Amino acid sequence: MDADTRWPDFLAERLVDDDIAVLNAGISGGRLLRDKMGSNALARFERDVLAQPGIAAVIVLIGINDISWNAMVFAPHDDPVAATEVIAGYRQLIARARLHGVRIVGATLLPFGGALQDTPMAGYFSAEKEQVRQAVNRWIRDSGEFDAVVDFDAVMRDPARPSRLLPAYDSGDHLHPGDAGNQAMAEAIDIDALLGSH
């Protein structure tokens, strides 16, 4: 807690000498499409991102809670979310960023196999939810709709079990990266691609 070891913190360290600040608009339990733990990203994108002074670029890493919360304790009555719904949400963020002249970078969703399985949140992961994550990630990588892509999935997955985080990067809950994982994510970001300087 309060150790400033999230990937945006490590990214800020990389950019500090260039006088570039990093804002972290992520919230615990955040979702792209629906409210639950705070407002959904579509509802707060203007306030939390686009209205910030001097904003030049945004990295979008959100959607795993949309995919995973149905059929478990957080949202037991929610219908499953299809890849097409997540993609439609991303397209709204892309359109709004472009209207403001803000560069928008898509980040692939991290592996989450085995996530929270021995907790009251059992059911967070399933083979069907993994298929949705894979479809969303294919679109992020291949659609060309984001200005750039950072492939966090490729960096963080265990080559032997690609639906799971690499053990060295896993915080222990099989969902959230630990400090080493957050560092690896920050290092994976191409600064020129982020800023549109190449």
C-alpha atoms as a PDB file:
ATOM      1  CA  MET A   1       0.000   0.000   0.000  1.00  0.00           C
ATOM      2  CA  ASP A   2       1.098   3.546  -0.828  1.00  0.00           C
ATOM      3  CA  ALA A   3       4.425   2.337  -2.231  1.00  0.00           C
ATOM      4  CA  ASP A   4       3.935   3.985  -5.658  1.00  0.00           C
ATOM      5  CA  THR A   5       4.791   0.770  -7.486  1.00  0.00           C
ATOM      6  CA  ARG A   6       1.961   0.684 -10.020  1.00  0.00           C
ATOM      7  CA  TRP A   7       2.882   0.706 -13.698  1.00  0.00           C
ATOM      8  CA  PRO A   8       1.916   4.398 -14.120  1.00  0.00           C
ATOM      9  CA  ASP A   9       4.315   5.222 -11.265  1.00  0.00           C
ATOM     10  CA  PHE A  10       7.154   3.411 -13.013  1.00  0.00           C
ATOM     11  CA  LEU A  11       6.189   5.114 -16.295  1.00  0.00           C
ATOM     12  CA  ALA A  12       6.333   8.494 -14.532  1.00  0.00           C
ATOM     13  CA  GLU A  13       9.891   7.678 -13.435  1.00  0.00           C
ATOM     14  CA  ARG A  14      10.826   7.066 -17.078  1.00  0.00           C
ATOM     15  CA  LEU A  15       9.374  10.414 -18.154  1.00  0.00           C
ATOM     16  CA  VAL A  16      10.350  12.707 -15.290  1.00  0.00           C
ATOM     17  CA  ASP A  17      13.558  13.926 -16.958  1.00  0.00           C
ATOM     18  CA  ASP A  18      11.484  15.002 -19.979  1.00  0.00           C
ATOM     19  CA  ASP A  19       9.185  17.071 -17.743  1.00  0.00           C
ATOM     20  CA  ILE A  20       6.247  14.849 -18.647  1.00  0.00           C
ATOM     21  CA  ALA A  21       3.760  13.996 -15.908  1.00  0.00           C
ATOM     22  CA  VAL A  22       1.681  10.827 -15.703  1.00  0.00           C
ATOM     23  CA  LEU A  23      -1.839  10.836 -14.282  1.00  0.00           C
ATOM     24  CA  ASN A  24      -3.382   7.563 -13.131  1.00  0.00           C
ATOM     25  CA  ALA A  25      -7.148   7.623 -13.681  1.00  0.00           C
ATOM     26  CA  GLY A  26      -7.590   3.957 -12.834  1.00  0.00           C
ATOM     27  CA  ILE A  27      -9.914   2.982 -10.000  1.00  0.00           C
ATOM     28  CA  SER A  28     -10.165  -0.295  -8.150  1.00  0.00           C
ATOM     29  CA  GLY A  29     -12.887  -2.403  -9.708  1.00  0.00           C
ATOM     30  CA  GLY A  30     -13.251  -0.019 -12.642  1.00  0.00           C
ATOM     31  CA  ARG A  31     -15.263  -1.061 -15.637  1.00  0.00           C
ATOM     32  CA  LEU A  32     -15.553   0.329 -19.154  1.00  0.00           C
ATOM     33  CA  LEU A  33     -19.273  -0.116 -19.744  1.00  0.00           C
ATOM     34  CA  ARG A  34     -21.137  -0.306 -16.444  1.00  0.00           C
ATOM     35  CA  ASP A  35     -20.984   1.333 -13.041  1.00  0.00           C
ATOM     36  CA  LYS A  36     -20.296  -0.619  -9.881  1.00  0.00           C
ATOM     37  CA  MET A  37     -17.218   0.518  -7.962  1.00  0.00           C
ATOM     38  CA  GLY A  38     -17.432   4.086  -9.184  1.00  0.00           C
ATOM     39  CA  SER A  39     -18.578   5.416 -12.527  1.00  0.00           C
ATOM     40  CA  ASN A  40     -17.756   3.485 -15.678  1.00  0.00           C
ATOM     41  CA  ALA A  41     -14.899   4.722 -17.883  1.00  0.00           C
ATOM     42  CA  LEU A  42     -17.205   5.939 -20.643  1.00  0.00           C
ATOM     43  CA  ALA A  43     -18.997   8.180 -18.144  1.00  0.00           C
ATOM     44  CA  ARG A  44     -15.854   9.605 -16.539  1.00  0.00           C
ATOM     45  CA  PHE A  45     -13.497   9.804 -19.534  1.00  0.00           C
ATOM     46  CA  GLU A  46     -14.212  13.473 -20.192  1.00  0.00           C
ATOM     47  CA  ARG A  47     -13.765  14.544 -16.560  1.00  0.00           C
ATOM     48  CA  ASP A  48     -10.911  12.274 -15.521  1.00  0.00           C
ATOM     49  CA  VAL A  49      -8.865  12.303 -18.738  1.00  0.00           C
ATOM     50  CA  LEU A  50      -9.800  14.718 -21.505  1.00  0.00           C
ATOM     51  CA  ALA A  51     -10.455  17.706 -19.213  1.00  0.00           C
ATOM     52  CA  GLN A  52      -7.021  17.465 -17.576  1.00  0.00           C
ATOM     53  CA  PRO A  53      -4.742  20.383 -18.463  1.00  0.00           C
ATOM     54  CA  GLY A  54      -1.997  19.699 -20.981  1.00  0.00           C
ATOM     55  CA  ILE A  55      -3.195  16.185 -21.769  1.00  0.00           C
ATOM     56  CA  ALA A  56      -1.378  14.798 -24.820  1.00  0.00           C
ATOM     57  CA  ALA A  57      -1.908  11.038 -24.735  1.00  0.00           C
ATOM     58  CA  VAL A  58      -3.893   8.377 -22.916  1.00  0.00           C
ATOM     59  CA  ILE A  59      -3.249   4.654 -22.443  1.00  0.00           C
ATOM     60  CA  VAL A  60      -6.470   2.646 -22.209  1.00  0.00           C
ATOM     61  CA  LEU A  61      -6.203  -0.484 -20.056  1.00  0.00           C
ATOM     62  CA  ILE A  62      -9.706  -1.419 -18.982  1.00  0.00           C
ATOM     63  CA  GLY A  63     -12.234  -4.127 -19.730  1.00  0.00           C
ATOM     64  CA  ILE A  64     -11.273  -7.225 -17.757  1.00  0.00           C
ATOM     65  CA  ASN A  65     -13.866  -6.507 -15.054  1.00  0.00           C
ATOM     66  CA  ASP A  66     -16.526  -6.052 -17.746  1.00  0.00           C
ATOM     67  CA  ILE A  67     -15.683  -9.480 -19.109  1.00  0.00           C
ATOM     68  CA  SER A  68     -15.323 -11.246 -15.765  1.00  0.00           C
ATOM     69  CA  TRP A  69     -17.873  -9.953 -13.293  1.00  0.00           C
ATOM     70  CA  ASN A  70     -20.938 -11.821 -14.509  1.00  0.00           C
ATOM     71  CA  ALA A  71     -21.739 -15.144 -12.818  1.00  0.00           C
ATOM     72  CA  MET A  72     -19.783 -14.217  -9.694  1.00  0.00           C
ATOM     73  CA  VAL A  73     -20.406 -12.293  -6.505  1.00  0.00           C
ATOM     74  CA  PHE A  74     -19.765  -8.768  -7.853  1.00  0.00           C
ATOM     75  CA  ALA A  75     -22.439  -8.891 -10.549  1.00  0.00           C
ATOM     76  CA  PRO A  76     -24.263 -12.217 -10.318  1.00  0.00           C
ATOM     77  CA  HIS A  77     -27.224 -11.042 -12.385  1.00  0.00           C
ATOM     78  CA  ASP A  78     -25.281  -9.325 -15.173  1.00  0.00           C
ATOM     79  CA  ASP A  79     -25.408 -10.876 -18.614  1.00  0.00           C
ATOM     80  CA  PRO A  80     -22.090 -11.943 -20.101  1.00  0.00           C
ATOM     81  CA  VAL A  81     -20.311  -9.157 -21.980  1.00  0.00           C
ATOM     82  CA  ALA A  82     -19.343  -9.904 -25.571  1.00  0.00           C
ATOM     83  CA  ALA A  83     -16.116  -8.780 -27.205  1.00  0.00           C
ATOM     84  CA  THR A  84     -18.169  -6.622 -29.569  1.00  0.00           C
ATOM     85  CA  GLU A  85     -19.524  -4.637 -26.595  1.00  0.00           C
ATOM     86  CA  VAL A  86     -16.053  -3.959 -25.205  1.00  0.00           C
ATOM     87  CA  ILE A  87     -14.830  -2.969 -28.675  1.00  0.00           C
ATOM     88  CA  ALA A  88     -17.782  -0.593 -29.109  1.00  0.00           C
ATOM     89  CA  GLY A  89     -16.808   1.029 -25.815  1.00  0.00           C
ATOM     90  CA  TYR A  90     -13.211   1.434 -26.966  1.00  0.00           C
ATOM     91  CA  ARG A  91     -14.435   3.006 -30.202  1.00  0.00           C
ATOM     92  CA  GLN A  92     -16.325   5.620 -28.199  1.00  0.00           C
ATOM     93  CA  LEU A  93     -13.169   6.470 -26.236  1.00  0.00           C
ATOM     94  CA  ILE A  94     -11.150   6.663 -29.460  1.00  0.00           C
ATOM     95  CA  ALA A  95     -13.660   9.007 -31.103  1.00  0.00           C
ATOM     96  CA  ARG A  96     -13.788  11.295 -28.076  1.00  0.00           C
ATOM     97  CA  ALA A  97      -9.994  11.406 -27.734  1.00  0.00           C
ATOM     98  CA  ARG A  98      -9.646  12.337 -31.405  1.00  0.00           C
ATOM     99  CA  LEU A  99     -12.171  15.156 -31.017  1.00  0.00           C
ATOM    100  CA  HIS A 100      -9.863  16.603 -28.357  1.00  0.00           C
ATOM    101  CA  GLY A 101      -6.662  16.008 -30.322  1.00  0.00           C
ATOM    102  CA  VAL A 102      -5.459  13.496 -27.727  1.00  0.00           C
ATOM    103  CA  ARG A 103      -3.397  10.505 -28.812  1.00  0.00           C
ATOM    104  CA  ILE A 104      -4.943   7.218 -27.635  1.00  0.00           C
ATOM    105  CA  VAL A 105      -2.979   4.020 -27.073  1.00  0.00           C
ATOM    106  CA  GLY A 106      -4.713   0.677 -26.605  1.00  0.00           C
ATOM    107  CA  ALA A 107      -3.297  -1.805 -24.090  1.00  0.00           C
ATOM    108  CA  THR A 108      -4.080  -5.489 -24.388  1.00  0.00           C
ATOM    109  CA  LEU A 109      -5.810  -7.093 -21.424  1.00  0.00           C
ATOM    110  CA  LEU A 110      -3.586  -9.104 -19.112  1.00  0.00           C
ATOM    111  CA  PRO A 111      -3.893 -12.865 -18.582  1.00  0.00           C
ATOM    112  CA  PHE A 112      -6.152 -13.780 -15.677  1.00  0.00           C
ATOM    113  CA  GLY A 113      -6.286 -17.566 -15.601  1.00  0.00           C
ATOM    114  CA  GLY A 114      -6.949 -18.821 -12.067  1.00  0.00           C
ATOM    115  CA  ALA A 115      -7.779 -15.330 -10.852  1.00  0.00           C
ATOM    116  CA  LEU A 116      -9.248 -15.140  -7.344  1.00  0.00           C
ATOM    117  CA  GLN A 117     -10.148 -18.839  -7.463  1.00  0.00           C
ATOM    118  CA  ASP A 118      -9.650 -19.481  -3.746  1.00  0.00           C
ATOM    119  CA  THR A 119     -11.579 -16.403  -2.633  1.00  0.00           C
ATOM    120  CA  PRO A 120     -15.249 -15.405  -2.392  1.00  0.00           C
ATOM    121  CA  MET A 121     -14.782 -14.076  -5.955  1.00  0.00           C
ATOM    122  CA  ALA A 122     -14.441 -17.575  -7.422  1.00  0.00           C
ATOM    123  CA  GLY A 123     -15.860 -17.649 -10.934  1.00  0.00           C
ATOM    124  CA  TYR A 124     -13.980 -14.528 -12.037  1.00  0.00           C
ATOM    125  CA  PHE A 125     -12.156 -16.612 -14.650  1.00  0.00           C
ATOM    126  CA  SER A 126     -13.678 -19.150 -17.050  1.00  0.00           C
ATOM    127  CA  ALA A 127     -12.765 -20.570 -20.449  1.00  0.00           C
ATOM    128  CA  GLU A 128     -15.619 -18.564 -22.004  1.00  0.00           C
ATOM    129  CA  LYS A 129     -14.381 -15.315 -20.464  1.00  0.00           C
ATOM    130  CA  GLU A 130     -10.862 -16.104 -21.694  1.00  0.00           C
ATOM    131  CA  GLN A 131     -12.224 -16.426 -25.237  1.00  0.00           C
ATOM    132  CA  VAL A 132     -13.706 -12.933 -24.945  1.00  0.00           C
ATOM    133  CA  ARG A 133     -10.399 -11.541 -23.657  1.00  0.00           C
ATOM    134  CA  GLN A 134      -8.563 -13.132 -26.567  1.00  0.00           C
ATOM    135  CA  ALA A 135     -11.033 -11.671 -29.083  1.00  0.00           C
ATOM    136  CA  VAL A 136     -10.709  -8.209 -27.553  1.00  0.00           C
ATOM    137  CA  ASN A 137      -6.917  -8.441 -27.603  1.00  0.00           C
ATOM    138  CA  ARG A 138      -6.899  -9.509 -31.263  1.00  0.00           C
ATOM    139  CA  TRP A 139      -8.946  -6.442 -32.112  1.00  0.00           C
ATOM    140  CA  ILE A 140      -6.685  -4.133 -30.092  1.00  0.00           C
ATOM    141  CA  ARG A 141      -3.597  -5.534 -31.850  1.00  0.00           C
ATOM    142  CA  ASP A 142      -4.944  -5.823 -35.381  1.00  0.00           C
ATOM    143  CA  SER A 143      -7.694  -3.260 -35.960  1.00  0.00           C
ATOM    144  CA  GLY A 144      -5.429  -0.238 -36.393  1.00  0.00           C
ATOM    145  CA  GLU A 145      -8.038   1.923 -34.666  1.00  0.00           C
ATOM    146  CA  PHE A 146      -5.874   3.020 -31.741  1.00  0.00           C
ATOM    147  CA  ASP A 147      -3.014   5.403 -32.530  1.00  0.00           C
ATOM    148  CA  ALA A 148      -0.619   2.838 -31.063  1.00  0.00           C
ATOM    149  CA  VAL A 149      -0.742  -0.392 -29.072  1.00  0.00           C
ATOM    150  CA  VAL A 150       1.168  -1.646 -26.041  1.00  0.00           C
ATOM    151  CA  ASP A 151       0.916  -5.421 -25.823  1.00  0.00           C
ATOM    152  CA  PHE A 152       0.838  -5.986 -22.075  1.00  0.00           C
ATOM    153  CA  ASP A 153      -0.575  -9.476 -22.645  1.00  0.00           C
ATOM    154  CA  ALA A 154       2.535 -10.539 -24.572  1.00  0.00           C
ATOM    155  CA  VAL A 155       4.824  -9.112 -21.877  1.00  0.00           C
ATOM    156  CA  MET A 156       2.974 -10.542 -18.885  1.00  0.00           C
ATOM    157  CA  ARG A 157       1.794 -14.003 -19.928  1.00  0.00           C
ATOM    158  CA  ASP A 158       3.406 -17.269 -18.968  1.00  0.00           C
ATOM    159  CA  PRO A 159       4.603 -18.869 -22.255  1.00  0.00           C
ATOM    160  CA  ALA A 160       3.852 -22.296 -20.795  1.00  0.00           C
ATOM    161  CA  ARG A 161       0.288 -21.262 -19.814  1.00  0.00           C
ATOM    162  CA  PRO A 162      -0.660 -18.183 -21.875  1.00  0.00           C
ATOM    163  CA  SER A 163      -3.956 -17.635 -20.060  1.00  0.00           C
ATOM    164  CA  ARG A 164      -1.987 -17.002 -16.843  1.00  0.00           C
ATOM    165  CA  LEU A 165       0.403 -14.346 -15.637  1.00  0.00           C
ATOM    166  CA  LEU A 166       4.070 -15.242 -15.567  1.00  0.00           C
ATOM    167  CA  PRO A 167       4.679 -16.280 -11.935  1.00  0.00           C
ATOM    168  CA  ALA A 168       7.478 -13.721 -11.515  1.00  0.00           C
ATOM    169  CA  TYR A 169       5.009 -10.956 -12.443  1.00  0.00           C
ATOM    170  CA  ASP A 170       2.019 -12.237 -10.446  1.00  0.00           C
ATOM    171  CA  SER A 171       1.036 -10.542  -7.175  1.00  0.00           C
ATOM    172  CA  GLY A 172      -0.315 -13.903  -6.024  1.00  0.00           C
ATOM    173  CA  ASP A 173      -3.997 -13.490  -6.885  1.00  0.00           C
ATOM    174  CA  HIS A 174      -3.419 -14.379 -10.585  1.00  0.00           C
ATOM    175  CA  LEU A 175      -5.112 -11.121 -11.614  1.00  0.00           C
ATOM    176  CA  HIS A 176      -3.015  -8.167 -10.477  1.00  0.00           C
ATOM    177  CA  PRO A 177       0.672  -7.790 -11.309  1.00  0.00           C
ATOM    178  CA  GLY A 178       3.166  -7.558  -8.488  1.00  0.00           C
ATOM    179  CA  ASP A 179       5.897  -4.913  -8.362  1.00  0.00           C
ATOM    180  CA  ALA A 180       8.078  -6.693 -10.917  1.00  0.00           C
ATOM    181  CA  GLY A 181       5.104  -7.059 -13.239  1.00  0.00           C
ATOM    182  CA  ASN A 182       4.214  -3.395 -12.957  1.00  0.00           C
ATOM    183  CA  GLN A 183       7.836  -2.485 -13.702  1.00  0.00           C
ATOM    184  CA  ALA A 184       7.810  -4.749 -16.779  1.00  0.00           C
ATOM    185  CA  MET A 185       4.595  -3.137 -18.008  1.00  0.00           C
ATOM    186  CA  ALA A 186       6.053   0.354 -17.710  1.00  0.00           C
ATOM    187  CA  GLU A 187       9.224  -0.725 -19.508  1.00  0.00           C
ATOM    188  CA  ALA A 188       7.152  -2.227 -22.350  1.00  0.00           C
ATOM    189  CA  ILE A 189       5.691   1.161 -23.277  1.00  0.00           C
ATOM    190  CA  ASP A 190       7.349   2.668 -26.353  1.00  0.00           C
ATOM    191  CA  ILE A 191       7.648   6.342 -25.407  1.00  0.00           C
ATOM    192  CA  ASP A 192       7.921   7.490 -29.039  1.00  0.00           C
ATOM    193  CA  ALA A 193       4.733   5.579 -29.897  1.00  0.00           C
ATOM    194  CA  LEU A 194       3.008   6.960 -26.806  1.00  0.00           C
ATOM    195  CA  LEU A 195       3.844  10.544 -27.713  1.00  0.00           C
ATOM    196  CA  GLY A 196       3.601  10.142 -31.486  1.00  0.00           C
ATOM    197  CA  SER A 197       7.164  11.297 -31.964  1.00  0.00           C
ATOM    198  CA  HIS A 198       8.239   8.796 -34.610  1.00  0.00           C
END
